[in-house]
Amino acid sequence: MIQSAADPASTARPTRWDQSGRVVIVTGAGSGIGEATAIRFATAGARVLAADIDAAAAERTAAMIAAHGGESASFALDVGIRAQIEAMVDHAERTLGPVDVLISNAGIGVAADVISTSEEQLDRVLSVNVKGVFFGAQAVIPGMVARGGGIIVNTASAVAFAAVGQRAAYIASKGAVVALTRSISLDFMAQGIRCNCVAPGVVDSPWVASILAGTPDPAEARRLMVERQPIGRVAAPSEIADAILFLASDEARFMHGSCLVIDGGFTVR
């Protein structure tokens, strides 16, 4: 099995949710949840396009998959630019085949409240986190419908349901992802499209590490972050990848427009 150096749990067990023969695009696949998700789908038999704004990181994920016998390709893009999303889908279809599953996972955030968030920061967060999901759906749905159906899984966040401080733009964007997921589902389920999203709690990822590094006392900031989790720890990226893989599996065929919260109990308080 394929192991991510950043997430040893990625080899904990074989998957139960077969993806053999499917072509899957994962955005934000260069690290964290996206990397773990790309690996999970490859382990389940999918042909995976690892897409990321960081070309080297996307290539690294694709190389990990290929080194273990999986079929993969990489693509570098800014998901907030529609033409680049369309080029990504075209590249996937030329190198791997028609796209069966889109995982719109790429996301960014700003540690700031609504007063201290600049217009440029707001625009950038909404571009990546909302436009990226919107443009991704626009690019894959016509082909999926023509072939009889397809699957979209978007990455939202538990903070869409239980806010935390200093994340105004991020929280607004992830609430939009939940609502957009429902809209896509309602509009296209009759045409064979199944669209759902996941809402992770705190995940041990490079983005979280960068937030902690920017605080006066990173160790104390991490302790407080963990303390918010009733389970007493943060999630490994592979735990979120498992949920994404389930939503893309046939076992989740009755789930339409759902948001699967995976937060270690954060939202139950």
C-alpha atoms as a PDB file:
ATOM      1  CA  MET A   1       0.000   0.000   0.000  1.00  0.00           C
ATOM      2  CA  ILE A   2       0.995   3.624  -0.530  1.00  0.00           C
ATOM      3  CA  GLN A   3       2.198   5.580   2.477  1.00  0.00           C
ATOM      4  CA  SER A   4       2.341   9.323   2.880  1.00  0.00           C
ATOM      5  CA  ALA A   5       5.368  10.384   4.890  1.00  0.00           C
ATOM      6  CA  ALA A   6       3.234  13.079   6.488  1.00  0.00           C
ATOM      7  CA  ASP A   7       0.472  10.651   7.455  1.00  0.00           C
ATOM      8  CA  PRO A   8       1.631   7.111   8.336  1.00  0.00           C
ATOM      9  CA  ALA A   9      -1.990   6.160   9.095  1.00  0.00           C
ATOM     10  CA  SER A  10      -2.576   6.191   5.344  1.00  0.00           C
ATOM     11  CA  THR A  11      -1.395   2.564   5.291  1.00  0.00           C
ATOM     12  CA  ALA A  12      -3.438   1.470   8.284  1.00  0.00           C
ATOM     13  CA  ARG A  13      -5.744  -0.827   6.318  1.00  0.00           C
ATOM     14  CA  PRO A  14      -6.933  -1.646   2.820  1.00  0.00           C
ATOM     15  CA  THR A  15      -9.989   0.201   1.622  1.00  0.00           C
ATOM     16  CA  ARG A  16     -13.445  -1.388   1.513  1.00  0.00           C
ATOM     17  CA  TRP A  17     -14.826   1.037  -1.044  1.00  0.00           C
ATOM     18  CA  ASP A  18     -13.751  -0.058  -4.498  1.00  0.00           C
ATOM     19  CA  GLN A  19     -12.986   2.596  -7.116  1.00  0.00           C
ATOM     20  CA  SER A  20     -11.543   0.303  -9.789  1.00  0.00           C
ATOM     21  CA  GLY A  21     -11.851   1.700 -13.297  1.00  0.00           C
ATOM     22  CA  ARG A  22     -12.761   5.212 -12.180  1.00  0.00           C
ATOM     23  CA  VAL A  23     -10.888   8.388 -13.090  1.00  0.00           C
ATOM     24  CA  VAL A  24     -10.677  10.749 -10.130  1.00  0.00           C
ATOM     25  CA  ILE A  25      -9.487  14.345  -9.873  1.00  0.00           C
ATOM     26  CA  VAL A  26      -8.336  15.575  -6.461  1.00  0.00           C
ATOM     27  CA  THR A  27      -7.580  19.281  -6.068  1.00  0.00           C
ATOM     28  CA  GLY A  28      -5.258  20.414  -3.309  1.00  0.00           C
ATOM     29  CA  ALA A  29      -3.595  17.013  -3.680  1.00  0.00           C
ATOM     30  CA  GLY A  30      -0.090  18.211  -2.876  1.00  0.00           C
ATOM     31  CA  SER A  31      -0.445  17.949   0.899  1.00  0.00           C
ATOM     32  CA  GLY A  32      -2.748  17.286   3.836  1.00  0.00           C
ATOM     33  CA  ILE A  33      -6.257  16.011   3.153  1.00  0.00           C
ATOM     34  CA  GLY A  34      -5.796  16.185  -0.623  1.00  0.00           C
ATOM     35  CA  GLU A  35      -2.629  14.111  -0.641  1.00  0.00           C
ATOM     36  CA  ALA A  36      -4.183  11.511   1.663  1.00  0.00           C
ATOM     37  CA  THR A  37      -7.327  11.425  -0.496  1.00  0.00           C
ATOM     38  CA  ALA A  38      -5.396  10.931  -3.725  1.00  0.00           C
ATOM     39  CA  ILE A  39      -3.539   8.037  -2.089  1.00  0.00           C
ATOM     40  CA  ARG A  40      -6.753   6.499  -0.734  1.00  0.00           C
ATOM     41  CA  PHE A  41      -8.417   6.527  -4.153  1.00  0.00           C
ATOM     42  CA  ALA A  42      -5.335   5.073  -5.837  1.00  0.00           C
ATOM     43  CA  THR A  43      -5.216   2.316  -3.237  1.00  0.00           C
ATOM     44  CA  ALA A  44      -8.884   1.639  -4.034  1.00  0.00           C
ATOM     45  CA  GLY A  45      -8.020   1.147  -7.709  1.00  0.00           C
ATOM     46  CA  ALA A  46      -8.748   4.567  -9.224  1.00  0.00           C
ATOM     47  CA  ARG A  47      -6.688   6.417 -11.800  1.00  0.00           C
ATOM     48  CA  VAL A  48      -5.919   9.703 -10.069  1.00  0.00           C
ATOM     49  CA  LEU A  49      -5.086  13.192 -11.271  1.00  0.00           C
ATOM     50  CA  ALA A  50      -3.315  14.978  -8.417  1.00  0.00           C
ATOM     51  CA  ALA A  51      -3.888  18.714  -8.889  1.00  0.00           C
ATOM     52  CA  ASP A  52      -2.385  21.513  -6.828  1.00  0.00           C
ATOM     53  CA  ILE A  53      -1.199  25.101  -7.170  1.00  0.00           C
ATOM     54  CA  ASP A  54       2.227  23.781  -6.135  1.00  0.00           C
ATOM     55  CA  ALA A  55       3.425  21.850  -9.196  1.00  0.00           C
ATOM     56  CA  ALA A  56       6.217  20.051  -7.324  1.00  0.00           C
ATOM     57  CA  ALA A  57       3.833  18.919  -4.586  1.00  0.00           C
ATOM     58  CA  ALA A  58       1.306  17.599  -7.129  1.00  0.00           C
ATOM     59  CA  GLU A  59       4.083  15.739  -8.934  1.00  0.00           C
ATOM     60  CA  ARG A  60       5.288  14.266  -5.647  1.00  0.00           C
ATOM     61  CA  THR A  61       1.835  12.860  -4.853  1.00  0.00           C
ATOM     62  CA  ALA A  62       1.498  11.412  -8.362  1.00  0.00           C
ATOM     63  CA  ALA A  63       4.978   9.890  -8.082  1.00  0.00           C
ATOM     64  CA  MET A  64       4.093   8.212  -4.763  1.00  0.00           C
ATOM     65  CA  ILE A  65       1.082   6.626  -6.419  1.00  0.00           C
ATOM     66  CA  ALA A  66       3.033   5.533  -9.504  1.00  0.00           C
ATOM     67  CA  ALA A  67       5.844   4.088  -7.376  1.00  0.00           C
ATOM     68  CA  HIS A  68       3.346   1.632  -5.908  1.00  0.00           C
ATOM     69  CA  GLY A  69       1.865   0.589  -9.234  1.00  0.00           C
ATOM     70  CA  GLY A  70      -0.978   3.062  -9.404  1.00  0.00           C
ATOM     71  CA  GLU A  71      -1.919   5.068 -12.463  1.00  0.00           C
ATOM     72  CA  SER A  72      -1.645   8.780 -11.839  1.00  0.00           C
ATOM     73  CA  ALA A  73      -0.860  12.152 -13.379  1.00  0.00           C
ATOM     74  CA  SER A  74      -0.342  15.636 -11.967  1.00  0.00           C
ATOM     75  CA  PHE A  75      -1.496  19.109 -12.901  1.00  0.00           C
ATOM     76  CA  ALA A  76      -0.645  22.559 -11.562  1.00  0.00           C
ATOM     77  CA  LEU A  77      -3.362  25.209 -11.436  1.00  0.00           C
ATOM     78  CA  ASP A  78      -5.091  27.978  -9.562  1.00  0.00           C
ATOM     79  CA  VAL A  79      -8.596  26.593  -8.972  1.00  0.00           C
ATOM     80  CA  GLY A  80      -9.995  30.120  -8.812  1.00  0.00           C
ATOM     81  CA  ILE A  81      -9.382  30.577 -12.546  1.00  0.00           C
ATOM     82  CA  ARG A  82     -12.031  28.923 -14.677  1.00  0.00           C
ATOM     83  CA  ALA A  83      -9.801  28.400 -17.725  1.00  0.00           C
ATOM     84  CA  GLN A  84      -7.284  26.540 -15.597  1.00  0.00           C
ATOM     85  CA  ILE A  85      -9.991  24.286 -14.138  1.00  0.00           C
ATOM     86  CA  GLU A  86     -11.142  23.481 -17.661  1.00  0.00           C
ATOM     87  CA  ALA A  87      -7.548  22.744 -18.689  1.00  0.00           C
ATOM     88  CA  MET A  88      -7.207  20.426 -15.680  1.00  0.00           C
ATOM     89  CA  VAL A  89     -10.262  18.411 -16.695  1.00  0.00           C
ATOM     90  CA  ASP A  90      -9.048  18.253 -20.285  1.00  0.00           C
ATOM     91  CA  HIS A  91      -5.640  17.017 -19.096  1.00  0.00           C
ATOM     92  CA  ALA A  92      -7.270  14.349 -16.935  1.00  0.00           C
ATOM     93  CA  GLU A  93      -9.366  13.100 -19.829  1.00  0.00           C
ATOM     94  CA  ARG A  94      -6.414  13.017 -22.242  1.00  0.00           C
ATOM     95  CA  THR A  95      -4.060  11.237 -19.845  1.00  0.00           C
ATOM     96  CA  LEU A  96      -6.356   9.042 -17.735  1.00  0.00           C
ATOM     97  CA  GLY A  97      -9.822   8.981 -19.322  1.00  0.00           C
ATOM     98  CA  PRO A  98     -13.273  10.517 -18.775  1.00  0.00           C
ATOM     99  CA  VAL A  99     -13.680  11.932 -15.275  1.00  0.00           C
ATOM    100  CA  ASP A 100     -15.957   9.897 -12.995  1.00  0.00           C
ATOM    101  CA  VAL A 101     -15.244  11.622  -9.664  1.00  0.00           C
ATOM    102  CA  LEU A 102     -14.239  15.171  -8.741  1.00  0.00           C
ATOM    103  CA  ILE A 103     -12.923  15.908  -5.262  1.00  0.00           C
ATOM    104  CA  SER A 104     -12.925  19.699  -4.879  1.00  0.00           C
ATOM    105  CA  ASN A 105     -10.641  19.933  -1.876  1.00  0.00           C
ATOM    106  CA  ALA A 106      -8.280  22.866  -2.501  1.00  0.00           C
ATOM    107  CA  GLY A 107      -8.729  25.564   0.092  1.00  0.00           C
ATOM    108  CA  ILE A 108      -7.039  28.427   1.911  1.00  0.00           C
ATOM    109  CA  GLY A 109      -7.801  30.615   4.895  1.00  0.00           C
ATOM    110  CA  VAL A 110      -6.858  33.843   6.629  1.00  0.00           C
ATOM    111  CA  ALA A 111      -6.451  34.204  10.391  1.00  0.00           C
ATOM    112  CA  ALA A 112      -8.434  37.435  10.801  1.00  0.00           C
ATOM    113  CA  ASP A 113     -11.808  38.744  11.904  1.00  0.00           C
ATOM    114  CA  VAL A 114     -14.220  40.615   9.641  1.00  0.00           C
ATOM    115  CA  ILE A 115     -12.671  44.014  10.477  1.00  0.00           C
ATOM    116  CA  SER A 116      -9.050  43.057   9.928  1.00  0.00           C
ATOM    117  CA  THR A 117      -9.628  41.019   6.750  1.00  0.00           C
ATOM    118  CA  SER A 118      -8.634  43.029   3.687  1.00  0.00           C
ATOM    119  CA  GLU A 119     -10.673  43.060   0.505  1.00  0.00           C
ATOM    120  CA  GLU A 120      -7.796  41.323  -1.271  1.00  0.00           C
ATOM    121  CA  GLN A 121      -7.717  38.560   1.351  1.00  0.00           C
ATOM    122  CA  LEU A 122     -11.480  38.091   1.147  1.00  0.00           C
ATOM    123  CA  ASP A 123     -11.401  37.936  -2.638  1.00  0.00           C
ATOM    124  CA  ARG A 124      -8.606  35.363  -2.604  1.00  0.00           C
ATOM    125  CA  VAL A 125     -10.294  33.085  -0.054  1.00  0.00           C
ATOM    126  CA  LEU A 126     -13.606  33.190  -1.909  1.00  0.00           C
ATOM    127  CA  SER A 127     -11.836  32.639  -5.235  1.00  0.00           C
ATOM    128  CA  VAL A 128     -10.142  29.442  -4.107  1.00  0.00           C
ATOM    129  CA  ASN A 129     -12.727  28.035  -1.711  1.00  0.00           C
ATOM    130  CA  VAL A 130     -15.952  28.929  -3.529  1.00  0.00           C
ATOM    131  CA  LYS A 131     -15.112  29.656  -7.150  1.00  0.00           C
ATOM    132  CA  GLY A 132     -12.883  26.568  -7.195  1.00  0.00           C
ATOM    133  CA  VAL A 133     -15.843  24.372  -6.244  1.00  0.00           C
ATOM    134  CA  PHE A 134     -18.207  26.222  -8.595  1.00  0.00           C
ATOM    135  CA  PHE A 135     -15.877  26.083 -11.600  1.00  0.00           C
ATOM    136  CA  GLY A 136     -15.008  22.457 -10.905  1.00  0.00           C
ATOM    137  CA  ALA A 137     -18.662  21.463 -11.040  1.00  0.00           C
ATOM    138  CA  GLN A 138     -19.173  23.480 -14.222  1.00  0.00           C
ATOM    139  CA  ALA A 139     -16.256  21.715 -15.882  1.00  0.00           C
ATOM    140  CA  VAL A 140     -17.145  18.096 -15.069  1.00  0.00           C
ATOM    141  CA  ILE A 141     -20.943  17.924 -14.917  1.00  0.00           C
ATOM    142  CA  PRO A 142     -21.702  18.123 -18.675  1.00  0.00           C
ATOM    143  CA  GLY A 143     -19.438  15.160 -19.431  1.00  0.00           C
ATOM    144  CA  MET A 144     -20.707  13.210 -16.438  1.00  0.00           C
ATOM    145  CA  VAL A 145     -24.318  13.744 -17.491  1.00  0.00           C
ATOM    146  CA  ALA A 146     -23.525  12.673 -21.055  1.00  0.00           C
ATOM    147  CA  ARG A 147     -22.010   9.427 -19.721  1.00  0.00           C
ATOM    148  CA  GLY A 148     -24.898   8.697 -17.364  1.00  0.00           C
ATOM    149  CA  GLY A 149     -23.656  10.119 -14.073  1.00  0.00           C
ATOM    150  CA  GLY A 150     -20.781  11.035 -11.823  1.00  0.00           C
ATOM    151  CA  ILE A 151     -19.753  11.963  -8.305  1.00  0.00           C
ATOM    152  CA  ILE A 152     -18.620  15.220  -6.732  1.00  0.00           C
ATOM    153  CA  VAL A 153     -17.337  15.547  -3.176  1.00  0.00           C
ATOM    154  CA  ASN A 154     -16.495  19.003  -1.844  1.00  0.00           C
ATOM    155  CA  THR A 155     -14.452  19.863   1.239  1.00  0.00           C
ATOM    156  CA  ALA A 156     -16.305  22.247   3.558  1.00  0.00           C
ATOM    157  CA  SER A 157     -15.462  22.615   7.276  1.00  0.00           C
ATOM    158  CA  ALA A 158     -16.988  22.063  10.694  1.00  0.00           C
ATOM    159  CA  VAL A 159     -16.657  25.811  11.283  1.00  0.00           C
ATOM    160  CA  ALA A 160     -19.547  26.277   8.850  1.00  0.00           C
ATOM    161  CA  PHE A 161     -21.687  24.958  11.727  1.00  0.00           C
ATOM    162  CA  ALA A 162     -19.764  26.102  14.822  1.00  0.00           C
ATOM    163  CA  ALA A 163     -17.626  29.189  14.306  1.00  0.00           C
ATOM    164  CA  VAL A 164     -14.206  29.842  15.803  1.00  0.00           C
ATOM    165  CA  GLY A 165     -12.534  33.206  16.246  1.00  0.00           C
ATOM    166  CA  GLN A 166     -10.384  34.998  13.699  1.00  0.00           C
ATOM    167  CA  ARG A 167     -11.546  33.060  10.626  1.00  0.00           C
ATOM    168  CA  ALA A 168     -14.259  35.290   9.125  1.00  0.00           C
ATOM    169  CA  ALA A 169     -13.483  34.852   5.428  1.00  0.00           C
ATOM    170  CA  TYR A 170     -12.755  31.152   5.773  1.00  0.00           C
ATOM    171  CA  ILE A 171     -15.983  30.468   7.670  1.00  0.00           C
ATOM    172  CA  ALA A 172     -18.028  32.440   5.134  1.00  0.00           C
ATOM    173  CA  SER A 173     -16.466  30.475   2.287  1.00  0.00           C
ATOM    174  CA  LYS A 174     -17.043  27.082   3.875  1.00  0.00           C
ATOM    175  CA  GLY A 175     -20.670  27.909   4.635  1.00  0.00           C
ATOM    176  CA  ALA A 176     -20.990  28.703   0.939  1.00  0.00           C
ATOM    177  CA  VAL A 177     -19.512  25.308   0.038  1.00  0.00           C
ATOM    178  CA  VAL A 178     -22.191  23.533   2.101  1.00  0.00           C
ATOM    179  CA  ALA A 179     -24.961  25.541   0.426  1.00  0.00           C
ATOM    180  CA  LEU A 180     -23.466  25.128  -3.051  1.00  0.00           C
ATOM    181  CA  THR A 181     -23.207  21.374  -2.538  1.00  0.00           C
ATOM    182  CA  ARG A 182     -26.937  21.226  -1.843  1.00  0.00           C
ATOM    183  CA  SER A 183     -27.721  23.360  -4.869  1.00  0.00           C
ATOM    184  CA  ILE A 184     -25.637  21.198  -7.216  1.00  0.00           C
ATOM    185  CA  SER A 185     -27.234  18.085  -5.787  1.00  0.00           C
ATOM    186  CA  LEU A 186     -30.792  19.323  -6.255  1.00  0.00           C
ATOM    187  CA  ASP A 187     -30.200  20.575  -9.785  1.00  0.00           C
ATOM    188  CA  PHE A 188     -28.450  17.487 -11.135  1.00  0.00           C
ATOM    189  CA  MET A 189     -29.358  14.395  -9.097  1.00  0.00           C
ATOM    190  CA  ALA A 190     -32.038  13.427 -11.618  1.00  0.00           C
ATOM    191  CA  GLN A 191     -29.300  13.398 -14.269  1.00  0.00           C
ATOM    192  CA  GLY A 192     -27.133  10.966 -12.353  1.00  0.00           C
ATOM    193  CA  ILE A 193     -24.906  13.382 -10.439  1.00  0.00           C
ATOM    194  CA  ARG A 194     -24.330  12.676  -6.757  1.00  0.00           C
ATOM    195  CA  CYS A 195     -22.864  15.669  -4.909  1.00  0.00           C
ATOM    196  CA  ASN A 196     -21.984  15.693  -1.203  1.00  0.00           C
ATOM    197  CA  CYS A 197     -19.429  17.359   1.038  1.00  0.00           C
ATOM    198  CA  VAL A 198     -17.326  16.665   4.116  1.00  0.00           C
ATOM    199  CA  ALA A 199     -16.912  19.058   7.037  1.00  0.00           C
ATOM    200  CA  PRO A 200     -13.664  18.267   8.844  1.00  0.00           C
ATOM    201  CA  GLY A 201     -12.718  19.538  12.250  1.00  0.00           C
ATOM    202  CA  VAL A 202      -9.097  20.422  12.972  1.00  0.00           C
ATOM    203  CA  VAL A 203      -6.748  18.328  10.833  1.00  0.00           C
ATOM    204  CA  ASP A 204      -3.015  17.920  11.299  1.00  0.00           C
ATOM    205  CA  SER A 205      -2.123  19.581   8.015  1.00  0.00           C
ATOM    206  CA  PRO A 206       0.447  22.040   6.624  1.00  0.00           C
ATOM    207  CA  TRP A 207      -2.149  24.827   6.691  1.00  0.00           C
ATOM    208  CA  VAL A 208      -2.832  24.307  10.403  1.00  0.00           C
ATOM    209  CA  ALA A 209       0.920  24.156  11.016  1.00  0.00           C
ATOM    210  CA  SER A 210       1.361  27.499   9.245  1.00  0.00           C
ATOM    211  CA  ILE A 211      -1.357  29.090  11.390  1.00  0.00           C
ATOM    212  CA  LEU A 212       0.287  27.805  14.566  1.00  0.00           C
ATOM    213  CA  ALA A 213       3.703  28.983  13.420  1.00  0.00           C
ATOM    214  CA  GLY A 214       2.353  32.523  13.111  1.00  0.00           C
ATOM    215  CA  THR A 215       1.244  32.708  16.758  1.00  0.00           C
ATOM    216  CA  PRO A 216       3.369  34.056  19.634  1.00  0.00           C
ATOM    217  CA  ASP A 217       3.415  30.644  21.320  1.00  0.00           C
ATOM    218  CA  PRO A 218       2.824  27.823  18.787  1.00  0.00           C
ATOM    219  CA  ALA A 219       2.886  25.091  21.430  1.00  0.00           C
ATOM    220  CA  GLU A 220       0.232  26.826  23.519  1.00  0.00           C
ATOM    221  CA  ALA A 221      -1.836  27.592  20.418  1.00  0.00           C
ATOM    222  CA  ARG A 222      -1.743  23.922  19.462  1.00  0.00           C
ATOM    223  CA  ARG A 223      -2.754  22.899  22.989  1.00  0.00           C
ATOM    224  CA  LEU A 224      -5.780  25.178  22.832  1.00  0.00           C
ATOM    225  CA  MET A 225      -6.660  23.883  19.370  1.00  0.00           C
ATOM    226  CA  VAL A 226      -6.584  20.301  20.607  1.00  0.00           C
ATOM    227  CA  GLU A 227      -8.552  21.300  23.702  1.00  0.00           C
ATOM    228  CA  ARG A 228     -11.441  22.448  21.465  1.00  0.00           C
ATOM    229  CA  GLN A 229     -11.756  18.859  20.260  1.00  0.00           C
ATOM    230  CA  PRO A 230     -13.819  16.783  22.743  1.00  0.00           C
ATOM    231  CA  ILE A 231     -12.037  13.672  21.449  1.00  0.00           C
ATOM    232  CA  GLY A 232      -8.776  15.123  22.742  1.00  0.00           C
ATOM    233  CA  ARG A 233      -6.818  15.177  19.496  1.00  0.00           C
ATOM    234  CA  VAL A 234      -6.860  16.519  15.965  1.00  0.00           C
ATOM    235  CA  ALA A 235      -7.583  14.363  12.922  1.00  0.00           C
ATOM    236  CA  ALA A 236      -5.053  12.684  10.686  1.00  0.00           C
ATOM    237  CA  PRO A 237      -5.577  13.585   6.996  1.00  0.00           C
ATOM    238  CA  SER A 238      -6.258   9.925   6.213  1.00  0.00           C
ATOM    239  CA  GLU A 239      -9.319   9.963   8.503  1.00  0.00           C
ATOM    240  CA  ILE A 240     -10.898  12.653   6.345  1.00  0.00           C
ATOM    241  CA  ALA A 241      -9.793  10.828   3.192  1.00  0.00           C
ATOM    242  CA  ASP A 242     -11.658   7.737   4.406  1.00  0.00           C
ATOM    243  CA  ALA A 243     -14.880   9.740   4.630  1.00  0.00           C
ATOM    244  CA  ILE A 244     -14.390  11.254   1.177  1.00  0.00           C
ATOM    245  CA  LEU A 245     -13.762   7.812  -0.257  1.00  0.00           C
ATOM    246  CA  PHE A 246     -16.949   6.521   1.362  1.00  0.00           C
ATOM    247  CA  LEU A 247     -19.017   9.359  -0.130  1.00  0.00           C
ATOM    248  CA  ALA A 248     -17.643   8.490  -3.566  1.00  0.00           C
ATOM    249  CA  SER A 249     -18.427   4.807  -3.140  1.00  0.00           C
ATOM    250  CA  ASP A 250     -21.534   2.918  -4.207  1.00  0.00           C
ATOM    251  CA  GLU A 251     -22.311   2.307  -0.522  1.00  0.00           C
ATOM    252  CA  ALA A 252     -23.187   6.013  -0.244  1.00  0.00           C
ATOM    253  CA  ARG A 253     -25.558   5.917  -3.225  1.00  0.00           C
ATOM    254  CA  PHE A 254     -28.547   7.212  -1.206  1.00  0.00           C
ATOM    255  CA  MET A 255     -26.614  10.285  -0.021  1.00  0.00           C
ATOM    256  CA  HIS A 256     -27.425  13.409  -2.034  1.00  0.00           C
ATOM    257  CA  GLY A 257     -26.602  16.945  -0.889  1.00  0.00           C
ATOM    258  CA  SER A 258     -25.387  15.695   2.471  1.00  0.00           C
ATOM    259  CA  CYS A 259     -22.617  17.177   4.584  1.00  0.00           C
ATOM    260  CA  LEU A 260     -20.690  14.546   6.513  1.00  0.00           C
ATOM    261  CA  VAL A 261     -19.257  16.154   9.646  1.00  0.00           C
ATOM    262  CA  ILE A 262     -15.970  14.572  10.777  1.00  0.00           C
ATOM    263  CA  ASP A 263     -14.836  16.746  13.643  1.00  0.00           C
ATOM    264  CA  GLY A 264     -13.936  14.710  16.718  1.00  0.00           C
ATOM    265  CA  GLY A 265     -17.053  16.038  18.428  1.00  0.00           C
ATOM    266  CA  PHE A 266     -16.258  19.724  17.896  1.00  0.00           C
ATOM    267  CA  THR A 267     -19.792  20.684  16.802  1.00  0.00           C
ATOM    268  CA  VAL A 268     -21.620  18.760  19.559  1.00  0.00           C
ATOM    269  CA  ARG A 269     -20.687  21.306  22.214  1.00  0.00           C
END
